Amino acid sequence: MKLYIVDVFGAALRRLSYWFALLGGLIMLSLAITTVVSIIGRTFFGQSVEGDYELTEVGLAISVFLFLPECYLRKGHVIVDLFTSGCHPNTIRLLDNTGHLLFTLVSALFVYRMALSGMESKEYWEQTMILELQIWWVYLVGVVSFSVCTLCGLVQLLSRREDDIYE
């Protein structure tokens, strides 16, 4: 029963992570279009999109946060298997579980620290120079994304089975 609940929750997290990644991709696509329009405007008309650098900076930060859960679930992070290629499957399972535990703990720490930074940013009205965009929204997206990452790490830890195949 425990694994069934973990599997259902894991499937929901995978769908959520997928939609986060799609949203991040749409944001990046809109940033690319904005950049092209700004460059064309600057080159041919002497007028660029006002605050294009700020939009790019904030948009890329949000996109990266939104990509993190999907990247983790797809094992898109860097894995150096030079030292583990000849290891016994149980050793690889132990190292893999240790990695999932560390990732979960670090993600939870990021949730905590980003929440504090976001509250401080909102308290001091931190904003961009030209467009005066409030920066705390970026922290909010980071907190939500790292919360999802933390839950994904927990699901990865709890869904480990003895019959998992490690090649």
Protein backbone atom coordinates (compact mmCIF):
# COMPACT_ATOMS: atom_id res chain seq x y z
CA MET A 1 0.00 0.00 0.00
CA LYS A 2 2.84 2.40 0.85
CA LEU A 3 4.43 2.00 -2.55
CA TYR A 4 1.11 2.52 -4.31
CA ILE A 5 0.64 5.90 -2.62
CA VAL A 6 4.24 6.84 -3.42
CA ASP A 7 3.73 5.77 -7.04
CA VAL A 8 0.53 7.81 -7.42
CA PHE A 9 2.12 10.85 -5.75
CA GLY A 10 5.23 10.37 -7.91
CA ALA A 11 3.12 10.32 -11.07
CA ALA A 12 1.44 13.56 -10.02
CA LEU A 13 4.84 15.14 -9.34
CA ARG A 14 6.09 13.99 -12.75
CA ARG A 15 3.09 15.65 -14.44
CA LEU A 16 3.60 18.83 -12.42
CA SER A 17 7.31 18.87 -13.25
CA TYR A 18 6.50 18.38 -16.92
CA TRP A 19 4.12 21.37 -16.90
CA PHE A 20 6.68 23.45 -15.02
CA ALA A 21 9.25 22.64 -17.72
CA LEU A 22 6.80 23.54 -20.48
CA LEU A 23 6.06 26.85 -18.80
CA GLY A 24 9.80 27.50 -18.46
CA GLY A 25 10.23 26.75 -22.15
CA LEU A 26 7.42 29.14 -23.09
CA ILE A 27 9.04 31.85 -20.98
CA MET A 28 12.38 31.27 -22.70
CA LEU A 29 10.71 31.34 -26.13
CA SER A 30 9.05 34.66 -25.32
CA LEU A 31 12.40 36.00 -24.09
CA ALA A 32 14.05 34.94 -27.35
CA ILE A 33 11.34 36.71 -29.35
CA THR A 34 11.68 39.81 -27.18
CA THR A 35 15.45 39.81 -27.67
CA VAL A 36 15.14 39.47 -31.46
CA VAL A 37 12.56 42.27 -31.59
CA SER A 38 14.80 44.44 -29.42
CA ILE A 39 17.87 43.81 -31.58
CA ILE A 40 15.96 44.47 -34.81
CA GLY A 41 14.45 47.63 -33.31
CA ARG A 42 17.82 48.85 -32.08
CA THR A 43 19.53 48.10 -35.41
CA PHE A 44 16.97 49.44 -37.86
CA PHE A 45 14.85 51.92 -35.92
CA GLY A 46 17.13 53.14 -33.15
CA GLN A 47 14.64 51.97 -30.52
CA SER A 48 14.88 48.78 -28.47
CA VAL A 49 12.44 47.10 -26.12
CA GLU A 50 12.65 49.04 -22.88
CA GLY A 51 14.02 46.87 -20.09
CA ASP A 52 14.90 43.95 -22.34
CA TYR A 53 17.94 43.08 -20.23
CA GLU A 54 15.85 43.08 -17.07
CA LEU A 55 13.16 40.93 -18.66
CA THR A 56 15.80 38.49 -19.83
CA GLU A 57 17.47 38.36 -16.43
CA VAL A 58 14.25 37.78 -14.50
CA GLY A 59 12.75 35.46 -17.12
CA LEU A 60 15.83 33.24 -17.30
CA ALA A 61 15.97 32.94 -13.53
CA ILE A 62 12.32 31.88 -13.43
CA SER A 63 12.85 29.45 -16.34
CA VAL A 64 15.81 27.78 -14.69
CA PHE A 65 13.83 27.31 -11.49
CA LEU A 66 10.96 25.80 -13.45
CA PHE A 67 13.28 23.37 -15.27
CA LEU A 68 14.89 21.97 -12.10
CA PRO A 69 12.27 19.36 -11.06
CA GLU A 70 12.00 17.87 -14.55
CA CYS A 71 15.76 17.82 -14.92
CA TYR A 72 16.07 15.94 -11.65
CA LEU A 73 13.38 13.40 -12.48
CA ARG A 74 14.90 12.72 -15.90
CA LYS A 75 18.33 12.35 -14.32
CA GLY A 76 19.57 15.27 -16.37
CA HIS A 77 22.16 16.22 -13.77
CA VAL A 78 25.82 15.40 -14.18
CA ILE A 79 26.74 11.83 -13.34
CA VAL A 80 30.38 10.81 -13.36
CA ASP A 81 30.44 7.04 -13.68
CA LEU A 82 34.17 6.70 -14.30
CA PHE A 83 34.72 5.32 -10.81
CA THR A 84 31.47 3.40 -10.47
CA SER A 85 31.30 1.65 -13.85
CA GLY A 86 32.76 -1.54 -12.39
CA CYS A 87 30.97 -1.42 -9.04
CA HIS A 88 28.54 -3.99 -7.75
CA PRO A 89 24.84 -3.02 -8.24
CA ASN A 90 24.36 -2.78 -4.46
CA THR A 91 27.17 -0.22 -4.25
CA ILE A 92 25.63 1.79 -7.06
CA ARG A 93 22.22 1.59 -5.33
CA LEU A 94 23.79 2.86 -2.09
CA LEU A 95 25.53 5.74 -3.88
CA ASP A 96 22.35 6.56 -5.79
CA ASN A 97 20.26 6.63 -2.62
CA THR A 98 22.91 8.76 -0.90
CA GLY A 99 22.73 11.19 -3.82
CA HIS A 100 18.94 11.33 -3.61
CA LEU A 101 19.13 11.99 0.13
CA LEU A 102 21.69 14.78 -0.29
CA PHE A 103 19.70 16.32 -3.12
CA THR A 104 16.54 16.26 -1.01
CA LEU A 105 18.28 17.87 1.96
CA VAL A 106 19.95 20.57 -0.15
CA SER A 107 16.66 21.30 -1.93
CA ALA A 108 14.90 21.68 1.40
CA LEU A 109 17.66 24.02 2.57
CA PHE A 110 17.23 26.08 -0.61
CA VAL A 111 13.48 26.30 0.04
CA TYR A 112 14.17 27.69 3.50
CA ARG A 113 16.88 30.14 2.44
CA MET A 114 15.03 31.37 -0.65
CA ALA A 115 11.87 31.91 1.39
CA LEU A 116 13.85 34.08 3.81
CA SER A 117 15.50 35.97 0.95
CA GLY A 118 12.18 36.47 -0.80
CA MET A 119 10.55 37.86 2.33
CA GLU A 120 13.49 40.21 2.81
CA SER A 121 13.32 41.26 -0.83
CA LYS A 122 9.62 42.05 -0.48
CA GLU A 123 10.16 43.89 2.81
CA TYR A 124 12.82 46.15 1.26
CA TRP A 125 10.92 46.60 -2.04
CA GLU A 126 13.83 45.28 -4.07
CA GLN A 127 13.11 45.92 -7.75
CA THR A 128 14.74 46.23 -11.14
CA MET A 129 16.03 49.64 -12.24
CA ILE A 130 14.12 50.39 -15.44
CA LEU A 131 10.86 48.44 -15.28
CA GLU A 132 10.69 48.42 -11.49
CA LEU A 133 9.73 44.75 -11.42
CA GLN A 134 9.48 43.35 -7.91
CA ILE A 135 12.23 40.76 -7.40
CA TRP A 136 10.46 38.75 -4.72
CA TRP A 137 8.32 37.04 -7.37
CA VAL A 138 11.46 35.33 -8.65
CA TYR A 139 12.15 34.02 -5.15
CA LEU A 140 8.56 32.78 -4.92
CA VAL A 141 8.97 30.74 -8.10
CA GLY A 142 12.26 29.41 -6.73
CA VAL A 143 10.63 28.37 -3.46
CA VAL A 144 7.84 26.55 -5.27
CA SER A 145 10.24 24.84 -7.69
CA PHE A 146 12.64 23.76 -4.97
CA SER A 147 9.68 22.52 -2.92
CA VAL A 148 8.70 20.33 -5.84
CA CYS A 149 12.34 19.21 -6.15
CA THR A 150 12.35 18.28 -2.46
CA LEU A 151 9.18 16.24 -2.89
CA CYS A 152 10.64 14.59 -5.99
CA GLY A 153 13.72 13.63 -3.99
CA LEU A 154 11.56 12.13 -1.26
CA VAL A 155 9.59 10.15 -3.82
CA GLN A 156 12.83 8.90 -5.37
CA LEU A 157 14.02 7.76 -1.96
CA LEU A 158 10.76 6.11 -0.97
CA SER A 159 10.15 4.40 -4.30
CA ARG A 160 13.43 2.51 -4.31
CA ARG A 161 12.87 -1.20 -4.54
CA GLU A 162 15.26 -4.05 -4.02
CA ASP A 163 14.61 -5.33 -7.55
CA ASP A 164 15.66 -2.04 -9.21
CA ILE A 165 18.11 -2.82 -11.98
CA TYR A 166 21.36 -0.88 -12.06
CA GLU A 167 23.52 -1.29 -15.11
